[in-house]
Amino acid sequence: MGRRVTVLGGGAMGTACALLLAGQPEVEVTLWVRTDADAQVLNADRVNTRYLPGVPLPEALAVTAEGLAALEGADWLVVAIPTAFLRQTLAPLAGHVAPGTPVISVIKGIEVGTHLRPSEILRELLGPRPVVAVCGPCHAEEMAKQFPTSVVAAGDDRSACEAAAQLFRTSRYRVYTSRDLVGVELAGALKNVVAIAAGVSDGLGFGDNAKAALLSRACVEMARFGAEFGANPGTFLGLAGIGDLMTTCFSPFGRNRKVGIGIGRGLSLAEALGTIPGVAEGVTTCRSVQELVVERRLEMPIVEAVHQILFQGVSPIEATTRLMTRAPREESLTITI
């Protein structure tokens, strides 16, 4: 396949992907940003000061807010627009995407109302085409500095997955492939909800024991949720599952964790969201997941606790007490890989 790539979305992850791809031999990259003002600043400063300060943009990386110009001749689209804004942002451009152009999604979330995964939204807007989800422990801040990173590229089209992996792969960015698109996307969405819980635990000062228990049980919940929708439970033990979960629940870069820390320290949700740049996908995703939990009658006590804290006025201490005093049970784990 061709080597002209358009990255849609000028946040941290979109910029990091553009930087990585622009460093590949014979790859021509255009970064599309939402407004002319954003494009002017990035072209003048040649650094994304808001999201990736200190990391220069190479001169070969084109930055534009002109959607039609950005899409013209693209062999690949890389979409890095938060789930909450994906539909409204992409809809005006959708009619100008050439039929069959493969799409790589680095989006992590579940749409409110429709409960659609990013790949499903993309196909609904753009029509039938290969869609590959790239997911794993890959904070943009570390990608931009070329720290060793490993992710998984998942999709229904094996050849598209392999081509996407080859497009991204470098000596510092290792890409595995998977056919479990559902599992990889759900893992990426659910880990952000758990990251809020991890942040709340940190904000309350609960320590290592609490976080280890939280993440262990969260892996079970994530696998249970994924299995309900046809995912391979083993996916949640891999890079998109426990790998990404560990990163986002421990890293100082994690926006969802930062929101949780603020809430654990007594901030309201609105106040906590005001402390971060960009979007905390776990907040809106939590609404969607909780609706599906109720609809499917799933046992997801950690997700329910986060939902109660965010939207039902339950204090972090009370939510913790409810989790810790649930009826005793045997720990029984059976996961087939």
C-alpha atoms as a PDB file:
ATOM      1  CA  MET A   1       0.000   0.000   0.000  1.00  0.00           C
ATOM      2  CA  GLY A   2       0.996   3.655  -0.382  1.00  0.00           C
ATOM      3  CA  ARG A   3       2.994   5.820   1.959  1.00  0.00           C
ATOM      4  CA  ARG A   4       1.030   9.080   2.114  1.00  0.00           C
ATOM      5  CA  VAL A   5      -0.543   9.356   5.560  1.00  0.00           C
ATOM      6  CA  THR A   6      -2.998  11.882   6.952  1.00  0.00           C
ATOM      7  CA  VAL A   7      -3.307  12.084  10.731  1.00  0.00           C
ATOM      8  CA  LEU A   8      -6.610  13.547  11.904  1.00  0.00           C
ATOM      9  CA  GLY A   9      -6.362  15.181  15.320  1.00  0.00           C
ATOM     10  CA  GLY A  10      -3.743  17.525  16.736  1.00  0.00           C
ATOM     11  CA  GLY A  11      -3.822  16.397  20.368  1.00  0.00           C
ATOM     12  CA  ALA A  12      -1.016  14.562  22.107  1.00  0.00           C
ATOM     13  CA  MET A  13      -1.591  11.173  20.478  1.00  0.00           C
ATOM     14  CA  GLY A  14      -2.250  12.546  17.003  1.00  0.00           C
ATOM     15  CA  THR A  15       0.912  14.623  17.172  1.00  0.00           C
ATOM     16  CA  ALA A  16       2.947  11.685  18.502  1.00  0.00           C
ATOM     17  CA  CYS A  17       1.719   9.447  15.681  1.00  0.00           C
ATOM     18  CA  ALA A  18       2.566  12.129  13.125  1.00  0.00           C
ATOM     19  CA  LEU A  19       6.056  12.462  14.588  1.00  0.00           C
ATOM     20  CA  LEU A  20       6.631   8.712  14.528  1.00  0.00           C
ATOM     21  CA  LEU A  21       5.402   8.329  10.961  1.00  0.00           C
ATOM     22  CA  ALA A  22       7.269  11.391   9.700  1.00  0.00           C
ATOM     23  CA  GLY A  23      10.482   9.701  10.813  1.00  0.00           C
ATOM     24  CA  GLN A  24       9.819   6.689   8.597  1.00  0.00           C
ATOM     25  CA  PRO A  25      11.648   6.448   5.257  1.00  0.00           C
ATOM     26  CA  GLU A  26       9.615   7.578   2.250  1.00  0.00           C
ATOM     27  CA  VAL A  27       6.501   8.355   4.303  1.00  0.00           C
ATOM     28  CA  GLU A  28       4.782  11.680   3.600  1.00  0.00           C
ATOM     29  CA  VAL A  29       2.719  12.842   6.594  1.00  0.00           C
ATOM     30  CA  THR A  30       0.095  15.565   6.981  1.00  0.00           C
ATOM     31  CA  LEU A  31      -1.296  16.473  10.406  1.00  0.00           C
ATOM     32  CA  TRP A  32      -4.835  17.864  10.284  1.00  0.00           C
ATOM     33  CA  VAL A  33      -5.888  20.095  13.158  1.00  0.00           C
ATOM     34  CA  ARG A  34      -9.328  21.492  13.895  1.00  0.00           C
ATOM     35  CA  THR A  35      -8.857  25.257  13.454  1.00  0.00           C
ATOM     36  CA  ASP A  36      -6.827  27.665  11.357  1.00  0.00           C
ATOM     37  CA  ALA A  37      -5.529  29.200  14.572  1.00  0.00           C
ATOM     38  CA  ASP A  38      -4.161  25.844  15.726  1.00  0.00           C
ATOM     39  CA  ALA A  39      -2.480  25.293  12.367  1.00  0.00           C
ATOM     40  CA  GLN A  40      -0.940  28.764  12.382  1.00  0.00           C
ATOM     41  CA  VAL A  41       0.520  28.284  15.868  1.00  0.00           C
ATOM     42  CA  LEU A  42       1.968  24.857  15.078  1.00  0.00           C
ATOM     43  CA  ASN A  43       3.445  26.033  11.793  1.00  0.00           C
ATOM     44  CA  ALA A  44       4.965  29.114  13.435  1.00  0.00           C
ATOM     45  CA  ASP A  45       6.321  27.412  16.564  1.00  0.00           C
ATOM     46  CA  ARG A  46       6.972  23.942  15.067  1.00  0.00           C
ATOM     47  CA  VAL A  47       6.140  22.440  18.463  1.00  0.00           C
ATOM     48  CA  ASN A  48       2.830  21.386  20.047  1.00  0.00           C
ATOM     49  CA  THR A  49       3.389  23.358  23.243  1.00  0.00           C
ATOM     50  CA  ARG A  50       0.052  22.481  24.801  1.00  0.00           C
ATOM     51  CA  TYR A  51       0.343  18.702  24.490  1.00  0.00           C
ATOM     52  CA  LEU A  52       3.975  17.794  23.726  1.00  0.00           C
ATOM     53  CA  PRO A  53       6.178  20.681  24.863  1.00  0.00           C
ATOM     54  CA  GLY A  54       9.840  20.457  23.995  1.00  0.00           C
ATOM     55  CA  VAL A  55       9.393  18.047  21.079  1.00  0.00           C
ATOM     56  CA  PRO A  56      10.046  19.811  17.736  1.00  0.00           C
ATOM     57  CA  LEU A  57       7.988  19.029  14.654  1.00  0.00           C
ATOM     58  CA  PRO A  58      10.180  18.122  11.661  1.00  0.00           C
ATOM     59  CA  GLU A  59       9.993  20.515   8.741  1.00  0.00           C
ATOM     60  CA  ALA A  60       8.797  17.681   6.503  1.00  0.00           C
ATOM     61  CA  LEU A  61       5.632  17.293   8.600  1.00  0.00           C
ATOM     62  CA  ALA A  62       2.852  19.347   7.027  1.00  0.00           C
ATOM     63  CA  VAL A  63       0.252  20.866   9.377  1.00  0.00           C
ATOM     64  CA  THR A  64      -3.076  22.159   8.069  1.00  0.00           C
ATOM     65  CA  ALA A  65      -6.670  22.865   9.060  1.00  0.00           C
ATOM     66  CA  GLU A  66      -7.841  22.427   5.465  1.00  0.00           C
ATOM     67  CA  GLY A  67      -9.611  19.075   5.544  1.00  0.00           C
ATOM     68  CA  LEU A  68      -9.952  18.559   1.799  1.00  0.00           C
ATOM     69  CA  ALA A  69      -6.283  19.340   1.172  1.00  0.00           C
ATOM     70  CA  ALA A  70      -5.246  17.014   3.982  1.00  0.00           C
ATOM     71  CA  LEU A  71      -7.288  14.121   2.621  1.00  0.00           C
ATOM     72  CA  GLU A  72      -6.326  14.480  -1.025  1.00  0.00           C
ATOM     73  CA  GLY A  73      -4.173  11.586  -2.159  1.00  0.00           C
ATOM     74  CA  ALA A  74      -3.963   9.965   1.280  1.00  0.00           C
ATOM     75  CA  ASP A  75      -3.141   6.251   1.219  1.00  0.00           C
ATOM     76  CA  TRP A  76      -3.834   5.897   4.962  1.00  0.00           C
ATOM     77  CA  LEU A  77      -5.867   7.789   7.549  1.00  0.00           C
ATOM     78  CA  VAL A  78      -4.786   7.759  11.179  1.00  0.00           C
ATOM     79  CA  VAL A  79      -7.647   9.007  13.357  1.00  0.00           C
ATOM     80  CA  ALA A  80      -6.807  10.434  16.785  1.00  0.00           C
ATOM     81  CA  ILE A  81     -10.011  12.306  17.641  1.00  0.00           C
ATOM     82  CA  PRO A  82     -11.585  11.594  21.062  1.00  0.00           C
ATOM     83  CA  THR A  83     -14.675   9.393  20.896  1.00  0.00           C
ATOM     84  CA  ALA A  84     -16.889  12.118  22.335  1.00  0.00           C
ATOM     85  CA  PHE A  85     -16.077  14.398  19.387  1.00  0.00           C
ATOM     86  CA  LEU A  86     -15.402  11.862  16.642  1.00  0.00           C
ATOM     87  CA  ARG A  87     -18.786  11.911  14.932  1.00  0.00           C
ATOM     88  CA  GLN A  88     -19.224  15.677  14.824  1.00  0.00           C
ATOM     89  CA  THR A  89     -15.627  16.299  13.763  1.00  0.00           C
ATOM     90  CA  LEU A  90     -15.375  13.638  11.078  1.00  0.00           C
ATOM     91  CA  ALA A  91     -18.849  13.956   9.539  1.00  0.00           C
ATOM     92  CA  PRO A  92     -18.029  17.080   7.443  1.00  0.00           C
ATOM     93  CA  LEU A  93     -14.940  15.347   6.031  1.00  0.00           C
ATOM     94  CA  ALA A  94     -16.451  11.911   5.488  1.00  0.00           C
ATOM     95  CA  GLY A  95     -17.649  12.480   1.946  1.00  0.00           C
ATOM     96  CA  HIS A  96     -14.136  13.397   0.845  1.00  0.00           C
ATOM     97  CA  VAL A  97     -12.403  10.222   2.005  1.00  0.00           C
ATOM     98  CA  ALA A  98     -11.666   8.021  -0.984  1.00  0.00           C
ATOM     99  CA  PRO A  99     -13.481   4.643  -1.025  1.00  0.00           C
ATOM    100  CA  GLY A 100     -11.390   1.833   0.365  1.00  0.00           C
ATOM    101  CA  THR A 101      -8.769   4.030   2.037  1.00  0.00           C
ATOM    102  CA  PRO A 102      -7.723   2.069   5.145  1.00  0.00           C
ATOM    103  CA  VAL A 103      -8.093   3.719   8.534  1.00  0.00           C
ATOM    104  CA  ILE A 104      -5.964   3.308  11.644  1.00  0.00           C
ATOM    105  CA  SER A 105      -7.739   4.247  14.863  1.00  0.00           C
ATOM    106  CA  VAL A 106      -5.818   5.211  17.990  1.00  0.00           C
ATOM    107  CA  ILE A 107      -9.046   6.157  19.776  1.00  0.00           C
ATOM    108  CA  LYS A 108     -10.063   4.639  23.108  1.00  0.00           C
ATOM    109  CA  GLY A 109     -13.685   4.904  24.178  1.00  0.00           C
ATOM    110  CA  ILE A 110     -17.326   3.923  23.727  1.00  0.00           C
ATOM    111  CA  GLU A 111     -19.764   6.469  22.299  1.00  0.00           C
ATOM    112  CA  VAL A 112     -22.473   7.735  24.627  1.00  0.00           C
ATOM    113  CA  GLY A 113     -25.974   6.859  23.442  1.00  0.00           C
ATOM    114  CA  THR A 114     -25.062   4.500  20.615  1.00  0.00           C
ATOM    115  CA  HIS A 115     -22.553   2.394  22.623  1.00  0.00           C
ATOM    116  CA  LEU A 116     -20.494   2.080  19.441  1.00  0.00           C
ATOM    117  CA  ARG A 117     -16.776   1.396  19.435  1.00  0.00           C
ATOM    118  CA  PRO A 118     -14.511   3.756  17.441  1.00  0.00           C
ATOM    119  CA  SER A 119     -14.154   1.321  14.514  1.00  0.00           C
ATOM    120  CA  GLU A 120     -17.938   1.044  14.289  1.00  0.00           C
ATOM    121  CA  ILE A 121     -18.349   4.827  14.226  1.00  0.00           C
ATOM    122  CA  LEU A 122     -15.664   5.121  11.548  1.00  0.00           C
ATOM    123  CA  ARG A 123     -17.315   2.533   9.312  1.00  0.00           C
ATOM    124  CA  GLU A 124     -20.720   4.132   9.837  1.00  0.00           C
ATOM    125  CA  LEU A 125     -19.369   7.518   8.759  1.00  0.00           C
ATOM    126  CA  LEU A 126     -16.900   6.436   6.076  1.00  0.00           C
ATOM    127  CA  GLY A 127     -18.498   3.281   4.700  1.00  0.00           C
ATOM    128  CA  PRO A 128     -16.987  -0.201   4.343  1.00  0.00           C
ATOM    129  CA  ARG A 129     -13.193  -0.197   4.483  1.00  0.00           C
ATOM    130  CA  PRO A 130     -10.366  -1.806   6.475  1.00  0.00           C
ATOM    131  CA  VAL A 131     -10.178  -0.357  10.001  1.00  0.00           C
ATOM    132  CA  VAL A 132      -7.266  -1.221  12.267  1.00  0.00           C
ATOM    133  CA  ALA A 133      -7.183  -0.305  15.971  1.00  0.00           C
ATOM    134  CA  VAL A 134      -3.733   0.341  17.414  1.00  0.00           C
ATOM    135  CA  CYS A 135      -3.757   0.065  21.175  1.00  0.00           C
ATOM    136  CA  GLY A 136      -1.444  -0.659  24.081  1.00  0.00           C
ATOM    137  CA  PRO A 137       0.752   1.062  26.678  1.00  0.00           C
ATOM    138  CA  CYS A 138       1.770   4.014  24.533  1.00  0.00           C
ATOM    139  CA  HIS A 139       1.672   7.392  26.220  1.00  0.00           C
ATOM    140  CA  ALA A 140       2.203  10.086  23.607  1.00  0.00           C
ATOM    141  CA  GLU A 141       4.849  11.797  25.742  1.00  0.00           C
ATOM    142  CA  GLU A 142       7.067   8.719  25.614  1.00  0.00           C
ATOM    143  CA  MET A 143       6.318   7.919  21.960  1.00  0.00           C
ATOM    144  CA  ALA A 144       7.418  11.431  21.011  1.00  0.00           C
ATOM    145  CA  LYS A 145      10.742  10.881  22.800  1.00  0.00           C
ATOM    146  CA  GLN A 146      11.218   7.532  21.030  1.00  0.00           C
ATOM    147  CA  PHE A 147      11.196   5.500  24.245  1.00  0.00           C
ATOM    148  CA  PRO A 148      10.733   1.751  23.593  1.00  0.00           C
ATOM    149  CA  THR A 149       7.012   1.032  23.177  1.00  0.00           C
ATOM    150  CA  SER A 150       5.004  -2.042  22.175  1.00  0.00           C
ATOM    151  CA  VAL A 151       1.412  -2.061  20.963  1.00  0.00           C
ATOM    152  CA  VAL A 152      -1.017  -4.304  19.087  1.00  0.00           C
ATOM    153  CA  ALA A 153      -2.726  -3.601  15.747  1.00  0.00           C
ATOM    154  CA  ALA A 154      -6.104  -5.332  15.577  1.00  0.00           C
ATOM    155  CA  GLY A 155      -8.647  -5.685  12.814  1.00  0.00           C
ATOM    156  CA  ASP A 156     -10.811  -8.011  10.777  1.00  0.00           C
ATOM    157  CA  ASP A 157      -8.595  -7.685   7.693  1.00  0.00           C
ATOM    158  CA  ARG A 158      -5.339  -9.542   8.317  1.00  0.00           C
ATOM    159  CA  SER A 159      -3.468  -7.912   5.444  1.00  0.00           C
ATOM    160  CA  ALA A 160      -4.494  -4.432   6.612  1.00  0.00           C
ATOM    161  CA  CYS A 161      -3.316  -5.239  10.153  1.00  0.00           C
ATOM    162  CA  GLU A 162       0.035  -6.397   8.882  1.00  0.00           C
ATOM    163  CA  ALA A 163       0.389  -3.347   6.627  1.00  0.00           C
ATOM    164  CA  ALA A 164      -0.532  -0.982   9.485  1.00  0.00           C
ATOM    165  CA  ALA A 165       1.962  -2.701  11.758  1.00  0.00           C
ATOM    166  CA  GLN A 166       4.667  -2.345   9.123  1.00  0.00           C
ATOM    167  CA  LEU A 167       3.808   1.331   8.625  1.00  0.00           C
ATOM    168  CA  PHE A 168       4.277   2.112  12.325  1.00  0.00           C
ATOM    169  CA  ARG A 169       7.035  -0.319  13.231  1.00  0.00           C
ATOM    170  CA  THR A 170      10.465   1.073  14.133  1.00  0.00           C
ATOM    171  CA  SER A 171      13.402  -0.026  16.260  1.00  0.00           C
ATOM    172  CA  ARG A 172      11.701   1.749  19.175  1.00  0.00           C
ATOM    173  CA  TYR A 173       8.045   1.002  18.369  1.00  0.00           C
ATOM    174  CA  ARG A 174       7.167  -2.689  18.215  1.00  0.00           C
ATOM    175  CA  VAL A 175       3.774  -3.647  16.785  1.00  0.00           C
ATOM    176  CA  TYR A 176       2.076  -7.018  17.205  1.00  0.00           C
ATOM    177  CA  THR A 177      -1.080  -7.976  15.287  1.00  0.00           C
ATOM    178  CA  SER A 178      -4.407  -9.420  16.425  1.00  0.00           C
ATOM    179  CA  ARG A 179      -7.730 -10.455  14.884  1.00  0.00           C
ATOM    180  CA  ASP A 180      -9.621  -9.523  18.083  1.00  0.00           C
ATOM    181  CA  LEU A 181     -10.728  -6.013  17.151  1.00  0.00           C
ATOM    182  CA  VAL A 182     -13.593  -6.103  19.654  1.00  0.00           C
ATOM    183  CA  GLY A 183     -11.370  -7.129  22.541  1.00  0.00           C
ATOM    184  CA  VAL A 184      -8.618  -4.638  21.779  1.00  0.00           C
ATOM    185  CA  GLU A 185     -11.054  -1.728  21.479  1.00  0.00           C
ATOM    186  CA  LEU A 186     -12.990  -2.671  24.618  1.00  0.00           C
ATOM    187  CA  ALA A 187      -9.756  -3.078  26.571  1.00  0.00           C
ATOM    188  CA  GLY A 188      -8.672   0.405  25.515  1.00  0.00           C
ATOM    189  CA  ALA A 189     -11.989   1.862  26.585  1.00  0.00           C
ATOM    190  CA  LEU A 190     -12.363   0.052  29.902  1.00  0.00           C
ATOM    191  CA  LYS A 191      -8.843   0.749  31.137  1.00  0.00           C
ATOM    192  CA  ASN A 192      -9.632   4.468  31.202  1.00  0.00           C
ATOM    193  CA  VAL A 193     -12.544   3.881  33.579  1.00  0.00           C
ATOM    194  CA  VAL A 194     -10.304   1.816  35.844  1.00  0.00           C
ATOM    195  CA  ALA A 195      -7.647   4.555  35.685  1.00  0.00           C
ATOM    196  CA  ILE A 196     -10.112   6.941  37.320  1.00  0.00           C
ATOM    197  CA  ALA A 197     -10.578   4.419  40.131  1.00  0.00           C
ATOM    198  CA  ALA A 198      -6.797   4.067  40.455  1.00  0.00           C
ATOM    199  CA  GLY A 199      -6.468   7.832  40.672  1.00  0.00           C
ATOM    200  CA  VAL A 200      -9.139   8.022  43.351  1.00  0.00           C
ATOM    201  CA  SER A 201      -7.224   5.398  45.330  1.00  0.00           C
ATOM    202  CA  ASP A 202      -4.024   7.417  44.968  1.00  0.00           C
ATOM    203  CA  GLY A 203      -5.798  10.638  45.890  1.00  0.00           C
ATOM    204  CA  LEU A 204      -7.081   9.001  49.056  1.00  0.00           C
ATOM    205  CA  GLY A 205      -3.573   7.776  49.866  1.00  0.00           C
ATOM    206  CA  PHE A 206      -4.520   4.109  49.988  1.00  0.00           C
ATOM    207  CA  GLY A 207      -1.145   2.735  48.877  1.00  0.00           C
ATOM    208  CA  ASP A 208       0.121  -0.256  46.942  1.00  0.00           C
ATOM    209  CA  ASN A 209      -2.065  -3.006  48.398  1.00  0.00           C
ATOM    210  CA  ALA A 210      -5.247  -1.252  47.374  1.00  0.00           C
ATOM    211  CA  LYS A 211      -4.048  -0.479  43.846  1.00  0.00           C
ATOM    212  CA  ALA A 212      -2.777  -4.016  43.263  1.00  0.00           C
ATOM    213  CA  ALA A 213      -6.120  -5.464  44.326  1.00  0.00           C
ATOM    214  CA  LEU A 214      -7.980  -2.909  42.231  1.00  0.00           C
ATOM    215  CA  LEU A 215      -6.053  -3.696  39.045  1.00  0.00           C
ATOM    216  CA  SER A 216      -6.232  -7.464  39.573  1.00  0.00           C
ATOM    217  CA  ARG A 217      -9.988  -7.429  39.959  1.00  0.00           C
ATOM    218  CA  ALA A 218     -10.335  -4.877  37.161  1.00  0.00           C
ATOM    219  CA  CYS A 219      -8.673  -7.314  34.763  1.00  0.00           C
ATOM    220  CA  VAL A 220     -11.372  -9.847  35.647  1.00  0.00           C
ATOM    221  CA  GLU A 221     -14.128  -7.298  35.057  1.00  0.00           C
ATOM    222  CA  MET A 222     -12.640  -6.226  31.739  1.00  0.00           C
ATOM    223  CA  ALA A 223     -12.368  -9.814  30.500  1.00  0.00           C
ATOM    224  CA  ARG A 224     -15.923 -10.541  31.666  1.00  0.00           C
ATOM    225  CA  PHE A 225     -17.254  -7.499  29.827  1.00  0.00           C
ATOM    226  CA  GLY A 226     -15.318  -8.352  26.678  1.00  0.00           C
ATOM    227  CA  ALA A 227     -16.512 -11.958  26.637  1.00  0.00           C
ATOM    228  CA  GLU A 228     -20.105 -10.716  26.759  1.00  0.00           C
ATOM    229  CA  PHE A 229     -19.512  -8.981  23.421  1.00  0.00           C
ATOM    230  CA  GLY A 230     -17.586 -11.785  21.753  1.00  0.00           C
ATOM    231  CA  ALA A 231     -14.021 -10.793  22.615  1.00  0.00           C
ATOM    232  CA  ASN A 232     -11.300 -13.283  23.490  1.00  0.00           C
ATOM    233  CA  PRO A 233     -10.767 -13.037  27.281  1.00  0.00           C
ATOM    234  CA  GLY A 234      -7.062 -13.637  26.686  1.00  0.00           C
ATOM    235  CA  THR A 235      -6.814 -10.270  24.923  1.00  0.00           C
ATOM    236  CA  PHE A 236      -7.221  -8.603  28.299  1.00  0.00           C
ATOM    237  CA  LEU A 237      -3.979 -10.218  29.493  1.00  0.00           C
ATOM    238  CA  GLY A 238      -2.052  -8.671  26.609  1.00  0.00           C
ATOM    239  CA  LEU A 239      -0.742  -5.264  25.596  1.00  0.00           C
ATOM    240  CA  ALA A 240      -4.160  -3.702  25.012  1.00  0.00           C
ATOM    241  CA  GLY A 241      -5.427  -5.066  28.325  1.00  0.00           C
ATOM    242  CA  ILE A 242      -3.174  -5.380  31.342  1.00  0.00           C
ATOM    243  CA  GLY A 243      -0.310  -3.625  29.524  1.00  0.00           C
ATOM    244  CA  ASP A 244      -2.244  -0.442  28.855  1.00  0.00           C
ATOM    245  CA  LEU A 245      -4.003  -0.741  32.215  1.00  0.00           C
ATOM    246  CA  MET A 246      -0.725  -0.681  34.136  1.00  0.00           C
ATOM    247  CA  THR A 247       0.593   2.283  32.200  1.00  0.00           C
ATOM    248  CA  THR A 248      -2.466   4.458  32.588  1.00  0.00           C
ATOM    249  CA  CYS A 249      -2.975   3.574  36.257  1.00  0.00           C
ATOM    250  CA  PHE A 250       0.609   4.378  37.328  1.00  0.00           C
ATOM    251  CA  SER A 251       1.913   6.999  34.919  1.00  0.00           C
ATOM    252  CA  PRO A 252       1.989  10.711  35.786  1.00  0.00           C
ATOM    253  CA  PHE A 253       0.891  11.375  32.185  1.00  0.00           C
ATOM    254  CA  GLY A 254      -2.492   9.609  32.518  1.00  0.00           C
ATOM    255  CA  ARG A 255      -5.311  12.154  32.274  1.00  0.00           C
ATOM    256  CA  ASN A 256      -7.935   9.776  33.640  1.00  0.00           C
ATOM    257  CA  ARG A 257      -5.762   8.965  36.639  1.00  0.00           C
ATOM    258  CA  LYS A 258      -5.222  12.687  37.258  1.00  0.00           C
ATOM    259  CA  VAL A 259      -8.976  13.247  37.290  1.00  0.00           C
ATOM    260  CA  GLY A 260      -9.348  10.438  39.807  1.00  0.00           C
ATOM    261  CA  ILE A 261      -6.584  11.864  41.995  1.00  0.00           C
ATOM    262  CA  GLY A 262      -8.361  15.203  42.093  1.00  0.00           C
ATOM    263  CA  ILE A 263     -11.648  13.591  43.070  1.00  0.00           C
ATOM    264  CA  GLY A 264      -9.911  11.512  45.729  1.00  0.00           C
ATOM    265  CA  ARG A 265      -8.504  14.739  47.171  1.00  0.00           C
ATOM    266  CA  GLY A 266     -11.919  16.337  47.378  1.00  0.00           C
ATOM    267  CA  LEU A 267     -12.406  18.086  44.041  1.00  0.00           C
ATOM    268  CA  SER A 268     -15.686  17.892  42.165  1.00  0.00           C
ATOM    269  CA  LEU A 269     -15.719  16.203  38.769  1.00  0.00           C
ATOM    270  CA  ALA A 270     -15.830  19.581  37.024  1.00  0.00           C
ATOM    271  CA  GLU A 271     -12.917  20.869  39.103  1.00  0.00           C
ATOM    272  CA  ALA A 272     -10.884  17.730  38.466  1.00  0.00           C
ATOM    273  CA  LEU A 273     -11.483  17.941  34.710  1.00  0.00           C
ATOM    274  CA  GLY A 274     -10.247  21.518  34.833  1.00  0.00           C
ATOM    275  CA  THR A 275      -6.823  20.357  35.980  1.00  0.00           C
ATOM    276  CA  ILE A 276      -5.965  18.467  32.775  1.00  0.00           C
ATOM    277  CA  PRO A 277      -5.338  19.389  29.137  1.00  0.00           C
ATOM    278  CA  GLY A 278      -7.400  17.506  26.590  1.00  0.00           C
ATOM    279  CA  VAL A 279     -10.085  14.924  27.268  1.00  0.00           C
ATOM    280  CA  ALA A 280     -10.443  12.267  29.965  1.00  0.00           C
ATOM    281  CA  GLU A 281     -12.142   9.559  27.874  1.00  0.00           C
ATOM    282  CA  GLY A 282     -12.921   7.456  30.933  1.00  0.00           C
ATOM    283  CA  VAL A 283     -15.573   9.876  32.163  1.00  0.00           C
ATOM    284  CA  THR A 284     -17.903   9.600  29.185  1.00  0.00           C
ATOM    285  CA  THR A 285     -16.982   5.964  28.593  1.00  0.00           C
ATOM    286  CA  CYS A 286     -18.054   5.167  32.153  1.00  0.00           C
ATOM    287  CA  ARG A 287     -21.598   6.283  31.298  1.00  0.00           C
ATOM    288  CA  SER A 288     -21.741   3.994  28.281  1.00  0.00           C
ATOM    289  CA  VAL A 289     -20.235   1.007  30.070  1.00  0.00           C
ATOM    290  CA  GLN A 290     -22.554   1.364  33.051  1.00  0.00           C
ATOM    291  CA  GLU A 291     -25.577   1.456  30.747  1.00  0.00           C
ATOM    292  CA  LEU A 292     -24.402  -1.774  29.128  1.00  0.00           C
ATOM    293  CA  VAL A 293     -23.727  -3.325  32.536  1.00  0.00           C
ATOM    294  CA  VAL A 294     -27.321  -2.660  33.547  1.00  0.00           C
ATOM    295  CA  GLU A 295     -28.717  -3.756  30.178  1.00  0.00           C
ATOM    296  CA  ARG A 296     -26.741  -7.015  30.144  1.00  0.00           C
ATOM    297  CA  ARG A 297     -26.961  -7.625  33.917  1.00  0.00           C
ATOM    298  CA  LEU A 298     -23.195  -7.924  34.227  1.00  0.00           C
ATOM    299  CA  GLU A 299     -21.249  -7.975  37.467  1.00  0.00           C
ATOM    300  CA  MET A 300     -18.891  -4.985  37.271  1.00  0.00           C
ATOM    301  CA  PRO A 301     -18.545  -3.580  40.805  1.00  0.00           C
ATOM    302  CA  ILE A 302     -15.507  -1.395  40.067  1.00  0.00           C
ATOM    303  CA  VAL A 303     -17.173   0.253  37.078  1.00  0.00           C
ATOM    304  CA  GLU A 304     -20.329   0.739  39.123  1.00  0.00           C
ATOM    305  CA  ALA A 305     -18.313   2.340  41.935  1.00  0.00           C
ATOM    306  CA  VAL A 306     -16.688   4.794  39.509  1.00  0.00           C
ATOM    307  CA  HIS A 307     -20.093   5.650  38.055  1.00  0.00           C
ATOM    308  CA  GLN A 308     -21.492   6.273  41.536  1.00  0.00           C
ATOM    309  CA  ILE A 309     -18.593   8.599  42.383  1.00  0.00           C
ATOM    310  CA  LEU A 310     -18.734  10.538  39.112  1.00  0.00           C
ATOM    311  CA  PHE A 311     -22.465  10.860  38.596  1.00  0.00           C
ATOM    312  CA  GLN A 312     -24.448   9.798  41.655  1.00  0.00           C
ATOM    313  CA  GLY A 313     -22.895  11.810  44.464  1.00  0.00           C
ATOM    314  CA  VAL A 314     -21.372   8.848  46.313  1.00  0.00           C
ATOM    315  CA  SER A 315     -18.173   9.821  48.138  1.00  0.00           C
ATOM    316  CA  PRO A 316     -14.926   7.990  47.309  1.00  0.00           C
ATOM    317  CA  ILE A 317     -14.757   6.650  50.881  1.00  0.00           C
ATOM    318  CA  GLU A 318     -18.312   5.316  50.750  1.00  0.00           C
ATOM    319  CA  ALA A 319     -17.721   3.715  47.351  1.00  0.00           C
ATOM    320  CA  THR A 320     -14.578   2.060  48.696  1.00  0.00           C
ATOM    321  CA  THR A 321     -16.448   0.722  51.711  1.00  0.00           C
ATOM    322  CA  ARG A 322     -19.159  -0.738  49.489  1.00  0.00           C
ATOM    323  CA  LEU A 323     -16.537  -2.524  47.387  1.00  0.00           C
ATOM    324  CA  MET A 324     -14.650  -3.888  50.376  1.00  0.00           C
ATOM    325  CA  THR A 325     -17.756  -5.164  52.201  1.00  0.00           C
ATOM    326  CA  ARG A 326     -19.360  -7.023  49.294  1.00  0.00           C
ATOM    327  CA  ALA A 327     -20.338 -10.616  50.056  1.00  0.00           C
ATOM    328  CA  PRO A 328     -17.280 -12.925  50.314  1.00  0.00           C
ATOM    329  CA  ARG A 329     -16.677 -15.264  47.412  1.00  0.00           C
ATOM    330  CA  GLU A 330     -14.163 -17.727  45.990  1.00  0.00           C
ATOM    331  CA  GLU A 331     -11.622 -16.348  43.537  1.00  0.00           C
ATOM    332  CA  SER A 332     -11.976 -18.516  40.449  1.00  0.00           C
ATOM    333  CA  LEU A 333     -10.326 -17.521  37.207  1.00  0.00           C
ATOM    334  CA  THR A 334     -10.575 -19.473  33.977  1.00  0.00           C
ATOM    335  CA  ILE A 335      -9.248 -17.752  30.883  1.00  0.00           C
ATOM    336  CA  THR A 336      -8.574 -19.580  27.664  1.00  0.00           C
ATOM    337  CA  ILE A 337      -5.999 -18.043  25.347  1.00  0.00           C
END
